[in-house]
Amino acid sequence: NALPEYDYVYYGDTEHLPYGEKTSGQILSYTIEAIKFLIS
C-alpha cells in the first residue's frame, strides 16, 4: 500500500508454524533456510 511500485516476494513457512512454540535452535535453523530461499 505504501510502496506499490516495487517487486515483492513473500514466503510463509507454514510447514513449521507456529514458531512461538519451537526451540531457539529450531527457529534459527528455519529462519536461515527461509533467508536462503528468498536470496535464491
All heavy atoms as atom14 arrays in JSON, in Angstrom:
{
  "sequence": "NALPEYDYVYYGDTEHLPYGEKTSGQILSYTIEAIKFLIS",
  "atom14_mask": [
    [1, 1, 1, 1, 1, 1, 1, 1, 0, 0, 0, 0, 0, 0],
    [1, 1, 1, 1, 1, 0, 0, 0, 0, 0, 0, 0, 0, 0],
    [1, 1, 1, 1, 1, 1, 1, 1, 0, 0, 0, 0, 0, 0],
    [1, 1, 1, 1, 1, 1, 1, 0, 0, 0, 0, 0, 0, 0],
    [1, 1, 1, 1, 1, 1, 1, 1, 1, 0, 0, 0, 0, 0],
    [1, 1, 1, 1, 1, 1, 1, 1, 1, 1, 1, 1, 0, 0],
    [1, 1, 1, 1, 1, 1, 1, 1, 0, 0, 0, 0, 0, 0],
    [1, 1, 1, 1, 1, 1, 1, 1, 1, 1, 1, 1, 0, 0],
    [1, 1, 1, 1, 1, 1, 1, 0, 0, 0, 0, 0, 0, 0],
    [1, 1, 1, 1, 1, 1, 1, 1, 1, 1, 1, 1, 0, 0],
    [1, 1, 1, 1, 1, 1, 1, 1, 1, 1, 1, 1, 0, 0],
    [1, 1, 1, 1, 0, 0, 0, 0, 0, 0, 0, 0, 0, 0],
    [1, 1, 1, 1, 1, 1, 1, 1, 0, 0, 0, 0, 0, 0],
    [1, 1, 1, 1, 1, 1, 1, 0, 0, 0, 0, 0, 0, 0],
    [1, 1, 1, 1, 1, 1, 1, 1, 1, 0, 0, 0, 0, 0],
    [1, 1, 1, 1, 1, 1, 1, 1, 1, 1, 0, 0, 0, 0],
    [1, 1, 1, 1, 1, 1, 1, 1, 0, 0, 0, 0, 0, 0],
    [1, 1, 1, 1, 1, 1, 1, 0, 0, 0, 0, 0, 0, 0],
    [1, 1, 1, 1, 1, 1, 1, 1, 1, 1, 1, 1, 0, 0],
    [1, 1, 1, 1, 0, 0, 0, 0, 0, 0, 0, 0, 0, 0],
    [1, 1, 1, 1, 1, 1, 1, 1, 1, 0, 0, 0, 0, 0],
    [1, 1, 1, 1, 1, 1, 1, 1, 1, 0, 0, 0, 0, 0],
    [1, 1, 1, 1, 1, 1, 1, 0, 0, 0, 0, 0, 0, 0],
    [1, 1, 1, 1, 1, 1, 0, 0, 0, 0, 0, 0, 0, 0],
    [1, 1, 1, 1, 0, 0, 0, 0, 0, 0, 0, 0, 0, 0],
    [1, 1, 1, 1, 1, 1, 1, 1, 1, 0, 0, 0, 0, 0],
    [1, 1, 1, 1, 1, 1, 1, 1, 0, 0, 0, 0, 0, 0],
    [1, 1, 1, 1, 1, 1, 1, 1, 0, 0, 0, 0, 0, 0],
    [1, 1, 1, 1, 1, 1, 0, 0, 0, 0, 0, 0, 0, 0],
    [1, 1, 1, 1, 1, 1, 1, 1, 1, 1, 1, 1, 0, 0],
    [1, 1, 1, 1, 1, 1, 1, 0, 0, 0, 0, 0, 0, 0],
    [1, 1, 1, 1, 1, 1, 1, 1, 0, 0, 0, 0, 0, 0],
    [1, 1, 1, 1, 1, 1, 1, 1, 1, 0, 0, 0, 0, 0],
    [1, 1, 1, 1, 1, 0, 0, 0, 0, 0, 0, 0, 0, 0],
    [1, 1, 1, 1, 1, 1, 1, 1, 0, 0, 0, 0, 0, 0],
    [1, 1, 1, 1, 1, 1, 1, 1, 1, 0, 0, 0, 0, 0],
    [1, 1, 1, 1, 1, 1, 1, 1, 1, 1, 1, 0, 0, 0],
    [1, 1, 1, 1, 1, 1, 1, 1, 0, 0, 0, 0, 0, 0],
    [1, 1, 1, 1, 1, 1, 1, 1, 0, 0, 0, 0, 0, 0],
    [1, 1, 1, 1, 1, 1, 0, 0, 0, 0, 0, 0, 0, 0]
  ],
  "atom14_positions": [
    [[0.83, -1.21, 0.0], [0.0, 0.0, 0.0], [0.86, 1.26, 0.0], [0.53, 2.25, -0.67], [-0.93, 0.01, 1.21], [-2.09, -0.95, 1.09], [-2.39, -1.42, -0.01], [-2.74, -1.26, 2.19], [0.0, 0.0, 0.0], [0.0, 0.0, 0.0], [0.0, 0.0, 0.0], [0.0, 0.0, 0.0], [0.0, 0.0, 0.0], [0.0, 0.0, 0.0]],
    [[1.96, 1.22, 0.75], [2.84, 2.39, 0.85], [3.76, 2.51, -0.35], [4.05, 3.63, -0.82], [3.66, 2.32, 2.13], [0.0, 0.0, 0.0], [0.0, 0.0, 0.0], [0.0, 0.0, 0.0], [0.0, 0.0, 0.0], [0.0, 0.0, 0.0], [0.0, 0.0, 0.0], [0.0, 0.0, 0.0], [0.0, 0.0, 0.0], [0.0, 0.0, 0.0]],
    [[4.22, 1.38, -0.88], [5.23, 1.36, -1.94], [4.84, 0.32, -3.0], [5.5, -0.7, -3.17], [6.61, 1.02, -1.35], [7.13, 1.96, -0.25], [8.25, 1.31, 0.53], [7.59, 3.28, -0.86], [0.0, 0.0, 0.0], [0.0, 0.0, 0.0], [0.0, 0.0, 0.0], [0.0, 0.0, 0.0], [0.0, 0.0, 0.0], [0.0, 0.0, 0.0]],
    [[3.78, 0.58, -3.74], [3.25, -0.44, -4.66], [4.12, -0.7, -5.88], [3.97, -1.73, -6.54], [1.9, 0.15, -5.08], [2.07, 1.63, -4.94], [2.96, 1.8, -3.74], [0.0, 0.0, 0.0], [0.0, 0.0, 0.0], [0.0, 0.0, 0.0], [0.0, 0.0, 0.0], [0.0, 0.0, 0.0], [0.0, 0.0, 0.0], [0.0, 0.0, 0.0]],
    [[5.03, 0.21, -6.2], [5.8, 0.09, -7.44], [6.89, -0.98, -7.38], [7.39, -1.43, -8.4], [6.42, 1.44, -7.8], [7.5, 1.94, -6.85], [6.96, 2.75, -5.68], [5.77, 2.57, -5.32], [7.73, 3.54, -5.11], [0.0, 0.0, 0.0], [0.0, 0.0, 0.0], [0.0, 0.0, 0.0], [0.0, 0.0, 0.0], [0.0, 0.0, 0.0]],
    [[7.27, -1.4, -6.18], [8.37, -2.36, -6.04], [7.9, -3.8, -6.28], [6.71, -4.08, -6.3], [8.98, -2.25, -4.64], [9.68, -0.94, -4.37], [8.97, 0.15, -3.89], [11.04, -0.78, -4.62], [9.59, 1.37, -3.65], [11.67, 0.43, -4.39], [10.95, 1.5, -3.9], [11.57, 2.71, -3.67], [0.0, 0.0, 0.0], [0.0, 0.0, 0.0]],
    [[8.87, -4.7, -6.46], [8.58, -6.13, -6.61], [8.76, -6.81, -5.26], [9.77, -6.57, -4.57], [9.53, -6.76, -7.63], [9.36, -6.15, -9.02], [8.3, -5.55, -9.29], [10.3, -6.28, -9.83], [0.0, 0.0, 0.0], [0.0, 0.0, 0.0], [0.0, 0.0, 0.0], [0.0, 0.0, 0.0], [0.0, 0.0, 0.0], [0.0, 0.0, 0.0]],
    [[7.83, -7.67, -4.9], [7.84, -8.33, -3.6], [7.75, -9.85, -3.75], [7.01, -10.35, -4.59], [6.67, -7.87, -2.74], [6.69, -6.41, -2.36], [6.17, -5.44, -3.21], [7.24, -6.0, -1.14], [6.18, -4.1, -2.86], [7.25, -4.65, -0.79], [6.72, -3.71, -1.65], [6.74, -2.38, -1.3], [0.0, 0.0, 0.0], [0.0, 0.0, 0.0]],
    [[8.49, -10.54, -2.89], [8.33, -12.0, -2.75], [8.04, -12.27, -1.28], [8.83, -11.94, -0.4], [9.6, -12.77, -3.16], [9.37, -14.27, -2.97], [9.97, -12.47, -4.61], [0.0, 0.0, 0.0], [0.0, 0.0, 0.0], [0.0, 0.0, 0.0], [0.0, 0.0, 0.0], [0.0, 0.0, 0.0], [0.0, 0.0, 0.0], [0.0, 0.0, 0.0]],
    [[6.88, -12.85, -1.03], [6.51, -13.23, 0.34], [6.72, -14.73, 0.51], [6.32, -15.52, -0.35], [5.04, -12.89, 0.61], [4.6, -13.3, 2.0], [4.82, -12.45, 3.07], [4.0, -14.53, 2.25], [4.45, -12.81, 4.36], [3.63, -14.91, 3.52], [3.85, -14.04, 4.58], [3.49, -14.4, 5.84], [0.0, 0.0, 0.0], [0.0, 0.0, 0.0]],
    [[7.31, -15.1, 1.64], [7.48, -16.52, 1.93], [7.01, -16.81, 3.35], [7.52, -16.24, 4.32], [8.94, -16.94, 1.78], [9.18, -18.39, 2.17], [8.48, -19.41, 1.56], [10.09, -18.72, 3.17], [8.67, -20.74, 1.93], [10.3, -20.04, 3.54], [9.59, -21.04, 2.92], [9.77, -22.36, 3.29], [0.0, 0.0, 0.0], [0.0, 0.0, 0.0]],
    [[6.0, -17.67, 3.46], [5.5, -18.1, 4.76], [5.87, -19.56, 5.01], [5.55, -20.43, 4.21], [0.0, 0.0, 0.0], [0.0, 0.0, 0.0], [0.0, 0.0, 0.0], [0.0, 0.0, 0.0], [0.0, 0.0, 0.0], [0.0, 0.0, 0.0], [0.0, 0.0, 0.0], [0.0, 0.0, 0.0], [0.0, 0.0, 0.0], [0.0, 0.0, 0.0]],
    [[6.54, -19.8, 6.12], [6.97, -21.16, 6.44], [5.85, -21.9, 7.16], [5.94, -22.23, 8.35], [8.24, -21.12, 7.3], [8.82, -22.52, 7.52], [8.41, -23.46, 6.81], [9.68, -22.66, 8.42], [0.0, 0.0, 0.0], [0.0, 0.0, 0.0], [0.0, 0.0, 0.0], [0.0, 0.0, 0.0], [0.0, 0.0, 0.0], [0.0, 0.0, 0.0]],
    [[4.79, -22.17, 6.43], [3.6, -22.8, 7.0], [3.84, -24.24, 7.46], [3.09, -24.76, 8.28], [2.46, -22.78, 5.97], [2.95, -23.28, 4.71], [1.96, -21.36, 5.74], [0.0, 0.0, 0.0], [0.0, 0.0, 0.0], [0.0, 0.0, 0.0], [0.0, 0.0, 0.0], [0.0, 0.0, 0.0], [0.0, 0.0, 0.0], [0.0, 0.0, 0.0]],
    [[4.88, -24.85, 6.94], [5.18, -26.24, 7.33], [5.57, -26.33, 8.8], [5.3, -27.34, 9.46], [6.31, -26.79, 6.46], [6.66, -28.24, 6.77], [7.76, -28.79, 5.87], [8.2, -28.06, 4.95], [8.17, -29.94, 6.09], [0.0, 0.0, 0.0], [0.0, 0.0, 0.0], [0.0, 0.0, 0.0], [0.0, 0.0, 0.0], [0.0, 0.0, 0.0]],
    [[6.19, -25.28, 9.34], [6.75, -25.34, 10.68], [6.05, -24.45, 11.7], [6.5, -24.35, 12.84], [8.24, -24.99, 10.65], [9.06, -25.93, 9.84], [9.75, -25.55, 8.7], [9.29, -27.27, 9.99], [10.38, -26.58, 8.19], [10.12, -27.64, 8.94], [0.0, 0.0, 0.0], [0.0, 0.0, 0.0], [0.0, 0.0, 0.0], [0.0, 0.0, 0.0]],
    [[4.96, -23.79, 11.31], [4.3, -22.91, 12.27], [3.58, -23.74, 13.34], [3.23, -24.89, 13.09], [3.32, -21.97, 11.55], [2.09, -22.54, 10.85], [0.9, -22.74, 11.8], [1.68, -21.63, 9.72], [0.0, 0.0, 0.0], [0.0, 0.0, 0.0], [0.0, 0.0, 0.0], [0.0, 0.0, 0.0], [0.0, 0.0, 0.0], [0.0, 0.0, 0.0]],
    [[3.38, -23.18, 14.55], [3.79, -21.84, 14.97], [5.22, -21.82, 15.51], [5.63, -22.73, 16.23], [2.79, -21.51, 16.09], [2.48, -22.86, 16.69], [2.52, -23.84, 15.55], [0.0, 0.0, 0.0], [0.0, 0.0, 0.0], [0.0, 0.0, 0.0], [0.0, 0.0, 0.0], [0.0, 0.0, 0.0], [0.0, 0.0, 0.0], [0.0, 0.0, 0.0]],
    [[5.99, -20.81, 15.15], [7.37, -20.7, 15.62], [7.44, -20.45, 17.12], [8.43, -20.79, 17.77], [8.07, -19.54, 14.9], [8.68, -19.89, 13.56], [8.24, -20.97, 12.81], [9.71, -19.11, 13.05], [8.8, -21.26, 11.58], [10.28, -19.4, 11.82], [9.82, -20.47, 11.09], [10.39, -20.76, 9.88], [0.0, 0.0, 0.0], [0.0, 0.0, 0.0]],
    [[6.42, -19.8, 17.67], [6.47, -19.41, 19.07], [6.61, -20.55, 20.05], [7.03, -20.36, 21.19], [0.0, 0.0, 0.0], [0.0, 0.0, 0.0], [0.0, 0.0, 0.0], [0.0, 0.0, 0.0], [0.0, 0.0, 0.0], [0.0, 0.0, 0.0], [0.0, 0.0, 0.0], [0.0, 0.0, 0.0], [0.0, 0.0, 0.0], [0.0, 0.0, 0.0]],
    [[6.28, -21.77, 19.61], [6.37, -22.93, 20.48], [7.62, -23.77, 20.19], [7.82, -24.82, 20.81], [5.13, -23.8, 20.32], [3.82, -23.05, 20.53], [3.82, -22.28, 21.84], [4.06, -22.9, 22.89], [3.6, -21.05, 21.81], [0.0, 0.0, 0.0], [0.0, 0.0, 0.0], [0.0, 0.0, 0.0], [0.0, 0.0, 0.0], [0.0, 0.0, 0.0]],
    [[8.47, -23.33, 19.26], [9.68, -24.06, 18.9], [10.86, -23.63, 19.77], [10.84, -22.58, 20.41], [10.01, -23.83, 17.42], [8.91, -24.23, 16.45], [8.64, -25.72, 16.46], [7.76, -26.19, 15.3], [6.41, -25.63, 15.3], [0.0, 0.0, 0.0], [0.0, 0.0, 0.0], [0.0, 0.0, 0.0], [0.0, 0.0, 0.0], [0.0, 0.0, 0.0]],
    [[11.93, -24.44, 19.75], [13.14, -24.06, 20.47], [13.89, -22.97, 19.69], [13.66, -22.79, 18.48], [14.07, -25.26, 20.64], [14.57, -25.66, 19.34], [13.36, -26.44, 21.29], [0.0, 0.0, 0.0], [0.0, 0.0, 0.0], [0.0, 0.0, 0.0], [0.0, 0.0, 0.0], [0.0, 0.0, 0.0], [0.0, 0.0, 0.0], [0.0, 0.0, 0.0]],
    [[14.79, -22.29, 20.37], [15.57, -21.25, 19.7], [16.4, -21.83, 18.56], [16.54, -21.21, 17.5], [16.49, -20.55, 20.72], [15.73, -19.85, 21.68], [0.0, 0.0, 0.0], [0.0, 0.0, 0.0], [0.0, 0.0, 0.0], [0.0, 0.0, 0.0], [0.0, 0.0, 0.0], [0.0, 0.0, 0.0], [0.0, 0.0, 0.0], [0.0, 0.0, 0.0]],
    [[16.94, -23.03, 18.76], [17.71, -23.67, 17.71], [16.89, -23.97, 16.48], [17.33, -23.78, 15.34], [0.0, 0.0, 0.0], [0.0, 0.0, 0.0], [0.0, 0.0, 0.0], [0.0, 0.0, 0.0], [0.0, 0.0, 0.0], [0.0, 0.0, 0.0], [0.0, 0.0, 0.0], [0.0, 0.0, 0.0], [0.0, 0.0, 0.0], [0.0, 0.0, 0.0]],
    [[15.67, -24.46, 16.68], [14.78, -24.72, 15.55], [14.42, -23.44, 14.82], [14.45, -23.38, 13.59], [13.5, -25.41, 16.05], [13.68, -26.85, 16.49], [12.42, -27.41, 17.11], [11.77, -26.76, 17.93], [12.05, -28.63, 16.71], [0.0, 0.0, 0.0], [0.0, 0.0, 0.0], [0.0, 0.0, 0.0], [0.0, 0.0, 0.0], [0.0, 0.0, 0.0]],
    [[14.1, -22.4, 15.57], [13.71, -21.12, 14.96], [14.86, -20.56, 14.13], [14.66, -20.09, 13.0], [13.28, -20.11, 16.04], [12.0, -20.6, 16.73], [13.07, -18.72, 15.45], [11.69, -19.89, 18.03], [0.0, 0.0, 0.0], [0.0, 0.0, 0.0], [0.0, 0.0, 0.0], [0.0, 0.0, 0.0], [0.0, 0.0, 0.0], [0.0, 0.0, 0.0]],
    [[16.07, -20.63, 14.66], [17.24, -20.14, 13.93], [17.44, -20.93, 12.64], [17.66, -20.35, 11.57], [18.49, -20.22, 14.8], [19.8, -19.77, 14.14], [19.72, -18.31, 13.7], [20.98, -19.98, 15.1], [0.0, 0.0, 0.0], [0.0, 0.0, 0.0], [0.0, 0.0, 0.0], [0.0, 0.0, 0.0], [0.0, 0.0, 0.0], [0.0, 0.0, 0.0]],
    [[17.33, -22.25, 12.73], [17.52, -23.1, 11.55], [16.47, -22.81, 10.48], [16.8, -22.65, 9.3], [17.46, -24.57, 11.96], [17.56, -25.42, 10.84], [0.0, 0.0, 0.0], [0.0, 0.0, 0.0], [0.0, 0.0, 0.0], [0.0, 0.0, 0.0], [0.0, 0.0, 0.0], [0.0, 0.0, 0.0], [0.0, 0.0, 0.0], [0.0, 0.0, 0.0]],
    [[15.2, -22.73, 10.88], [14.13, -22.46, 9.92], [14.32, -21.09, 9.27], [14.08, -20.91, 8.07], [12.76, -22.5, 10.61], [12.38, -23.81, 11.22], [11.51, -23.85, 12.32], [12.85, -25.03, 10.72], [11.13, -25.06, 12.89], [12.48, -26.23, 11.29], [11.62, -26.25, 12.39], [11.25, -27.43, 12.97], [0.0, 0.0, 0.0], [0.0, 0.0, 0.0]],
    [[14.72, -20.11, 10.08], [14.86, -18.75, 9.55], [16.02, -18.66, 8.56], [15.9, -18.01, 7.51], [15.07, -17.75, 10.7], [13.98, -17.87, 11.63], [15.12, -16.32, 10.19], [0.0, 0.0, 0.0], [0.0, 0.0, 0.0], [0.0, 0.0, 0.0], [0.0, 0.0, 0.0], [0.0, 0.0, 0.0], [0.0, 0.0, 0.0], [0.0, 0.0, 0.0]],
    [[17.12, -19.32, 8.85], [18.25, -19.32, 7.92], [17.84, -19.92, 6.58], [18.16, -19.39, 5.51], [19.45, -20.08, 8.52], [20.07, -19.28, 9.66], [20.5, -20.38, 7.44], [21.16, -20.02, 10.42], [0.0, 0.0, 0.0], [0.0, 0.0, 0.0], [0.0, 0.0, 0.0], [0.0, 0.0, 0.0], [0.0, 0.0, 0.0], [0.0, 0.0, 0.0]],
    [[17.11, -21.03, 6.63], [16.66, -21.66, 5.39], [15.71, -20.74, 4.62], [15.77, -20.67, 3.38], [15.97, -23.0, 5.69], [16.92, -24.09, 6.17], [18.1, -24.29, 5.21], [17.84, -24.47, 4.0], [19.25, -24.26, 5.68], [0.0, 0.0, 0.0], [0.0, 0.0, 0.0], [0.0, 0.0, 0.0], [0.0, 0.0, 0.0], [0.0, 0.0, 0.0]],
    [[14.87, -20.02, 5.33], [13.95, -19.09, 4.67], [14.71, -17.94, 4.01], [14.38, -17.53, 2.88], [12.95, -18.55, 5.69], [0.0, 0.0, 0.0], [0.0, 0.0, 0.0], [0.0, 0.0, 0.0], [0.0, 0.0, 0.0], [0.0, 0.0, 0.0], [0.0, 0.0, 0.0], [0.0, 0.0, 0.0], [0.0, 0.0, 0.0], [0.0, 0.0, 0.0]],
    [[15.7, -17.43, 4.69], [16.51, -16.33, 4.13], [17.27, -16.82, 2.89], [17.33, -16.11, 1.88], [17.48, -15.78, 5.19], [16.71, -15.18, 6.36], [18.41, -14.74, 4.58], [15.74, -14.08, 6.0], [0.0, 0.0, 0.0], [0.0, 0.0, 0.0], [0.0, 0.0, 0.0], [0.0, 0.0, 0.0], [0.0, 0.0, 0.0], [0.0, 0.0, 0.0]],
    [[17.82, -18.02, 2.96], [18.49, -18.6, 1.79], [17.53, -18.69, 0.6], [17.9, -18.37, -0.53], [19.03, -20.0, 2.12], [20.27, -20.04, 3.0], [20.69, -21.49, 3.2], [21.95, -21.62, 4.03], [22.32, -23.04, 4.25], [0.0, 0.0, 0.0], [0.0, 0.0, 0.0], [0.0, 0.0, 0.0], [0.0, 0.0, 0.0], [0.0, 0.0, 0.0]],
    [[16.31, -19.12, 0.89], [15.33, -19.25, -0.18], [15.0, -17.9, -0.8], [14.95, -17.77, -2.04], [14.06, -19.91, 0.34], [12.95, -19.95, -0.67], [13.04, -20.77, -1.79], [11.83, -19.13, -0.53], [12.03, -20.79, -2.74], [10.82, -19.15, -1.47], [10.91, -19.98, -2.58], [0.0, 0.0, 0.0], [0.0, 0.0, 0.0], [0.0, 0.0, 0.0]],
    [[14.79, -16.88, 0.01], [14.47, -15.56, -0.52], [15.65, -14.97, -1.3], [15.45, -14.29, -2.31], [14.04, -14.63, 0.61], [12.63, -14.9, 1.15], [12.37, -14.08, 2.4], [11.57, -14.6, 0.09], [0.0, 0.0, 0.0], [0.0, 0.0, 0.0], [0.0, 0.0, 0.0], [0.0, 0.0, 0.0], [0.0, 0.0, 0.0], [0.0, 0.0, 0.0]],
    [[16.85, -15.25, -0.88], [18.03, -14.82, -1.64], [18.04, -15.5, -3.0], [18.35, -14.88, -4.03], [19.32, -15.09, -0.85], [19.39, -14.16, 0.37], [20.55, -14.89, -1.74], [20.52, -14.49, 1.33], [0.0, 0.0, 0.0], [0.0, 0.0, 0.0], [0.0, 0.0, 0.0], [0.0, 0.0, 0.0], [0.0, 0.0, 0.0], [0.0, 0.0, 0.0]],
    [[17.65, -16.78, -3.03], [17.6, -17.51, -4.31], [16.51, -16.95, -5.23], [16.56, -17.15, -6.45], [17.34, -19.0, -4.07], [15.97, -19.25, -3.74], [0.0, 0.0, 0.0], [0.0, 0.0, 0.0], [0.0, 0.0, 0.0], [0.0, 0.0, 0.0], [0.0, 0.0, 0.0], [0.0, 0.0, 0.0], [0.0, 0.0, 0.0], [0.0, 0.0, 0.0]]
  ]
}
